[in-house]
Amino acid sequence: MTRIDFHTNIVDKLSYACRLTRKAYAAGGKLVLLTEDARQAASVNEALWTLSETDFLPHVMLGDALAAQTPIIVTCDNSEQAELPHGDMLINLTRHIPANVGRFQRVFEIISTDEIDAAAGRKRYLDYKQKSYPLTHFVAGKT
């Protein structure tokens, strides 16, 4: 069953998601970053290119001809019909449960300090819990 990891109290979701992507890629993972819309997807794409002068994170937008061979996919397509090339990990940057959450081994829910985002995150947590997904919770800045 899909493991759901909640990362909460995140000040900068975009930066955090990029660092999490770097860590997952370094560990050999293939992942999908799901965004709310095309504008956020473009921001994620740009942030992955500029994350670090020394790191290269190979990524493309879903639908690119190289998507099947690329370990990191960025998309705003949250439909059941989305043709996602792999299902190791998903980083969810939306305020909704991903339509095909069950096809991934692991899902990261990134919840910011924004109250609206936090409220949506709490709702998703309860929804996942009700569906008996295994849940873990990491609070940023807490030692």
C-alpha atoms as a PDB file:
ATOM      1  CA  MET A   1       0.000   0.000   0.000  1.00  0.00           C
ATOM      2  CA  THR A   2       1.136   3.542  -0.706  1.00  0.00           C
ATOM      3  CA  ARG A   3       2.989   5.221   2.151  1.00  0.00           C
ATOM      4  CA  ILE A   4       2.024   8.868   2.721  1.00  0.00           C
ATOM      5  CA  ASP A   5       4.589  11.230   4.277  1.00  0.00           C
ATOM      6  CA  PHE A   6       3.307  14.593   5.476  1.00  0.00           C
ATOM      7  CA  HIS A   7       5.917  17.352   5.691  1.00  0.00           C
ATOM      8  CA  THR A   8       4.346  20.294   7.507  1.00  0.00           C
ATOM      9  CA  ASN A   9       5.254  23.791   8.658  1.00  0.00           C
ATOM     10  CA  ILE A  10       7.130  24.402   5.398  1.00  0.00           C
ATOM     11  CA  VAL A  11       7.972  28.072   4.869  1.00  0.00           C
ATOM     12  CA  ASP A  12       8.885  27.768   1.155  1.00  0.00           C
ATOM     13  CA  LYS A  13       7.095  24.835  -0.527  1.00  0.00           C
ATOM     14  CA  LEU A  14       8.886  25.256  -3.840  1.00  0.00           C
ATOM     15  CA  SER A  15      12.382  25.258  -2.371  1.00  0.00           C
ATOM     16  CA  TYR A  16      11.521  22.376  -0.035  1.00  0.00           C
ATOM     17  CA  ALA A  17      10.064  20.312  -2.886  1.00  0.00           C
ATOM     18  CA  CYS A  18      13.225  20.871  -4.943  1.00  0.00           C
ATOM     19  CA  ARG A  19      15.472  19.780  -2.082  1.00  0.00           C
ATOM     20  CA  LEU A  20      13.287  16.711  -1.475  1.00  0.00           C
ATOM     21  CA  THR A  21      13.477  15.940  -5.199  1.00  0.00           C
ATOM     22  CA  ARG A  22      17.271  16.194  -5.098  1.00  0.00           C
ATOM     23  CA  LYS A  23      17.396  13.799  -2.135  1.00  0.00           C
ATOM     24  CA  ALA A  24      15.041  11.276  -3.769  1.00  0.00           C
ATOM     25  CA  TYR A  25      16.907  11.416  -7.079  1.00  0.00           C
ATOM     26  CA  ALA A  26      20.273  10.962  -5.322  1.00  0.00           C
ATOM     27  CA  ALA A  27      18.835   7.809  -3.719  1.00  0.00           C
ATOM     28  CA  GLY A  28      17.954   6.462  -7.169  1.00  0.00           C
ATOM     29  CA  GLY A  29      14.266   7.306  -7.085  1.00  0.00           C
ATOM     30  CA  LYS A  30      11.998   8.202  -9.970  1.00  0.00           C
ATOM     31  CA  LEU A  31       9.365  10.733  -9.111  1.00  0.00           C
ATOM     32  CA  VAL A  32       6.521  12.925 -10.237  1.00  0.00           C
ATOM     33  CA  LEU A  33       5.937  16.448  -8.958  1.00  0.00           C
ATOM     34  CA  LEU A  34       2.222  17.242  -9.128  1.00  0.00           C
ATOM     35  CA  THR A  35       1.384  20.947  -9.239  1.00  0.00           C
ATOM     36  CA  GLU A  36      -1.852  22.881  -8.880  1.00  0.00           C
ATOM     37  CA  ASP A  37      -1.692  24.424 -12.365  1.00  0.00           C
ATOM     38  CA  ALA A  38       0.533  25.121 -15.379  1.00  0.00           C
ATOM     39  CA  ARG A  39       1.922  28.286 -13.805  1.00  0.00           C
ATOM     40  CA  GLN A  40       3.123  26.407 -10.722  1.00  0.00           C
ATOM     41  CA  ALA A  41       4.507  23.639 -12.967  1.00  0.00           C
ATOM     42  CA  ALA A  42       6.559  26.253 -14.843  1.00  0.00           C
ATOM     43  CA  SER A  43       7.846  27.591 -11.510  1.00  0.00           C
ATOM     44  CA  VAL A  44       8.859  24.087 -10.403  1.00  0.00           C
ATOM     45  CA  ASN A  45      10.560  23.483 -13.753  1.00  0.00           C
ATOM     46  CA  GLU A  46      12.572  26.708 -13.400  1.00  0.00           C
ATOM     47  CA  ALA A  47      13.421  26.023  -9.750  1.00  0.00           C
ATOM     48  CA  LEU A  48      14.753  22.549 -10.566  1.00  0.00           C
ATOM     49  CA  TRP A  49      17.063  24.040 -13.210  1.00  0.00           C
ATOM     50  CA  THR A  50      18.390  26.681 -10.824  1.00  0.00           C
ATOM     51  CA  LEU A  51      18.452  24.770  -7.518  1.00  0.00           C
ATOM     52  CA  SER A  52      22.215  24.429  -7.413  1.00  0.00           C
ATOM     53  CA  GLU A  53      25.196  25.150  -9.620  1.00  0.00           C
ATOM     54  CA  THR A  54      26.609  21.707  -8.857  1.00  0.00           C
ATOM     55  CA  ASP A  55      23.487  19.520  -9.001  1.00  0.00           C
ATOM     56  CA  PHE A  56      21.766  18.379 -12.168  1.00  0.00           C
ATOM     57  CA  LEU A  57      18.227  17.099 -11.719  1.00  0.00           C
ATOM     58  CA  PRO A  58      17.081  15.592 -15.039  1.00  0.00           C
ATOM     59  CA  HIS A  59      13.431  16.488 -15.446  1.00  0.00           C
ATOM     60  CA  VAL A  60      10.828  17.175 -18.100  1.00  0.00           C
ATOM     61  CA  MET A  61       7.197  18.173 -18.221  1.00  0.00           C
ATOM     62  CA  LEU A  62       4.685  15.354 -18.629  1.00  0.00           C
ATOM     63  CA  GLY A  63       4.011  14.894 -22.324  1.00  0.00           C
ATOM     64  CA  ASP A  64       7.606  15.526 -23.353  1.00  0.00           C
ATOM     65  CA  ALA A  65       8.974  12.934 -25.783  1.00  0.00           C
ATOM     66  CA  LEU A  66      11.637  11.988 -23.211  1.00  0.00           C
ATOM     67  CA  ALA A  67       9.266  11.546 -20.259  1.00  0.00           C
ATOM     68  CA  ALA A  68       9.553   7.749 -20.199  1.00  0.00           C
ATOM     69  CA  GLN A  69      13.361   7.954 -19.948  1.00  0.00           C
ATOM     70  CA  THR A  70      13.512  10.862 -17.499  1.00  0.00           C
ATOM     71  CA  PRO A  71      13.507  10.161 -13.739  1.00  0.00           C
ATOM     72  CA  ILE A  72      11.753  13.390 -12.707  1.00  0.00           C
ATOM     73  CA  ILE A  73       8.421  14.441 -14.215  1.00  0.00           C
ATOM     74  CA  VAL A  74       6.595  17.723 -13.557  1.00  0.00           C
ATOM     75  CA  THR A  75       2.857  17.867 -14.255  1.00  0.00           C
ATOM     76  CA  CYS A  76      -0.372  19.591 -13.341  1.00  0.00           C
ATOM     77  CA  ASP A  77      -2.465  16.737 -14.797  1.00  0.00           C
ATOM     78  CA  ASN A  78      -4.279  15.227 -11.811  1.00  0.00           C
ATOM     79  CA  SER A  79      -6.630  13.052 -13.829  1.00  0.00           C
ATOM     80  CA  GLU A  80      -6.982   9.289 -13.559  1.00  0.00           C
ATOM     81  CA  GLN A  81      -6.029   9.152 -17.247  1.00  0.00           C
ATOM     82  CA  ALA A  82      -2.690  10.933 -16.807  1.00  0.00           C
ATOM     83  CA  GLU A  83      -0.026   8.865 -18.588  1.00  0.00           C
ATOM     84  CA  LEU A  84       2.596   8.896 -15.846  1.00  0.00           C
ATOM     85  CA  PRO A  85       5.708   6.959 -16.895  1.00  0.00           C
ATOM     86  CA  HIS A  86       6.664   5.704 -13.448  1.00  0.00           C
ATOM     87  CA  GLY A  87       5.207   5.269  -9.988  1.00  0.00           C
ATOM     88  CA  ASP A  88       7.967   5.257  -7.396  1.00  0.00           C
ATOM     89  CA  MET A  89       7.272   8.569  -5.669  1.00  0.00           C
ATOM     90  CA  LEU A  90       4.991  11.547  -5.997  1.00  0.00           C
ATOM     91  CA  ILE A  91       5.491  14.974  -4.446  1.00  0.00           C
ATOM     92  CA  ASN A  92       2.080  16.591  -4.128  1.00  0.00           C
ATOM     93  CA  LEU A  93       2.108  20.386  -4.261  1.00  0.00           C
ATOM     94  CA  THR A  94      -1.659  20.656  -4.716  1.00  0.00           C
ATOM     95  CA  ARG A  95      -4.385  21.025  -2.121  1.00  0.00           C
ATOM     96  CA  HIS A  96      -6.097  17.812  -3.229  1.00  0.00           C
ATOM     97  CA  ILE A  97      -5.467  14.091  -2.948  1.00  0.00           C
ATOM     98  CA  PRO A  98      -3.903  12.950  -6.240  1.00  0.00           C
ATOM     99  CA  ALA A  99      -6.352  11.098  -8.480  1.00  0.00           C
ATOM    100  CA  ASN A 100      -4.051   8.101  -8.902  1.00  0.00           C
ATOM    101  CA  VAL A 101      -2.404   8.128  -5.470  1.00  0.00           C
ATOM    102  CA  GLY A 102      -2.561   4.337  -5.174  1.00  0.00           C
ATOM    103  CA  ARG A 103      -0.196   3.710  -8.085  1.00  0.00           C
ATOM    104  CA  PHE A 104       2.747   5.256  -6.210  1.00  0.00           C
ATOM    105  CA  GLN A 105       4.874   3.494  -3.620  1.00  0.00           C
ATOM    106  CA  ARG A 106       5.296   6.722  -1.677  1.00  0.00           C
ATOM    107  CA  VAL A 107       3.606  10.134  -1.674  1.00  0.00           C
ATOM    108  CA  PHE A 108       5.018  13.264  -0.082  1.00  0.00           C
ATOM    109  CA  GLU A 109       2.454  15.848   0.989  1.00  0.00           C
ATOM    110  CA  ILE A 110       4.161  19.236   1.350  1.00  0.00           C
ATOM    111  CA  ILE A 111       2.146  21.547   3.628  1.00  0.00           C
ATOM    112  CA  SER A 112       3.158  25.177   4.041  1.00  0.00           C
ATOM    113  CA  THR A 113       2.722  27.541   6.964  1.00  0.00           C
ATOM    114  CA  ASP A 114      -0.132  29.260   5.077  1.00  0.00           C
ATOM    115  CA  GLU A 115      -3.365  28.664   7.013  1.00  0.00           C
ATOM    116  CA  ILE A 116      -5.438  27.789   3.922  1.00  0.00           C
ATOM    117  CA  ASP A 117      -2.806  25.288   2.787  1.00  0.00           C
ATOM    118  CA  ALA A 118      -2.519  23.874   6.323  1.00  0.00           C
ATOM    119  CA  ALA A 119      -6.308  23.425   6.561  1.00  0.00           C
ATOM    120  CA  ALA A 120      -6.361  21.609   3.204  1.00  0.00           C
ATOM    121  CA  GLY A 121      -3.457  19.456   4.433  1.00  0.00           C
ATOM    122  CA  ARG A 122      -5.315  18.510   7.609  1.00  0.00           C
ATOM    123  CA  LYS A 123      -8.324  17.489   5.524  1.00  0.00           C
ATOM    124  CA  ARG A 124      -6.146  15.320   3.263  1.00  0.00           C
ATOM    125  CA  TYR A 125      -4.521  13.738   6.321  1.00  0.00           C
ATOM    126  CA  LEU A 126      -7.947  12.739   7.669  1.00  0.00           C
ATOM    127  CA  ASP A 127      -9.047  11.457   4.250  1.00  0.00           C
ATOM    128  CA  TYR A 128      -5.915   9.313   3.897  1.00  0.00           C
ATOM    129  CA  LYS A 129      -6.331   8.045   7.468  1.00  0.00           C
ATOM    130  CA  GLN A 130      -9.948   7.109   6.790  1.00  0.00           C
ATOM    131  CA  LYS A 131      -8.766   5.109   3.751  1.00  0.00           C
ATOM    132  CA  SER A 132      -6.184   3.314   5.971  1.00  0.00           C
ATOM    133  CA  TYR A 133      -3.059   4.578   4.208  1.00  0.00           C
ATOM    134  CA  PRO A 134       0.091   4.292   6.340  1.00  0.00           C
ATOM    135  CA  LEU A 135       0.937   7.849   7.423  1.00  0.00           C
ATOM    136  CA  THR A 136       4.068   9.523   8.730  1.00  0.00           C
ATOM    137  CA  HIS A 137       4.434  13.140   9.786  1.00  0.00           C
ATOM    138  CA  PHE A 138       7.524  15.356   9.741  1.00  0.00           C
ATOM    139  CA  VAL A 139       7.380  18.891  11.152  1.00  0.00           C
ATOM    140  CA  ALA A 140       9.949  21.248   9.624  1.00  0.00           C
ATOM    141  CA  GLY A 141      12.114  23.066  12.113  1.00  0.00           C
ATOM    142  CA  LYS A 142      11.312  20.636  14.914  1.00  0.00           C
ATOM    143  CA  THR A 143      14.302  18.876  16.420  1.00  0.00           C
END
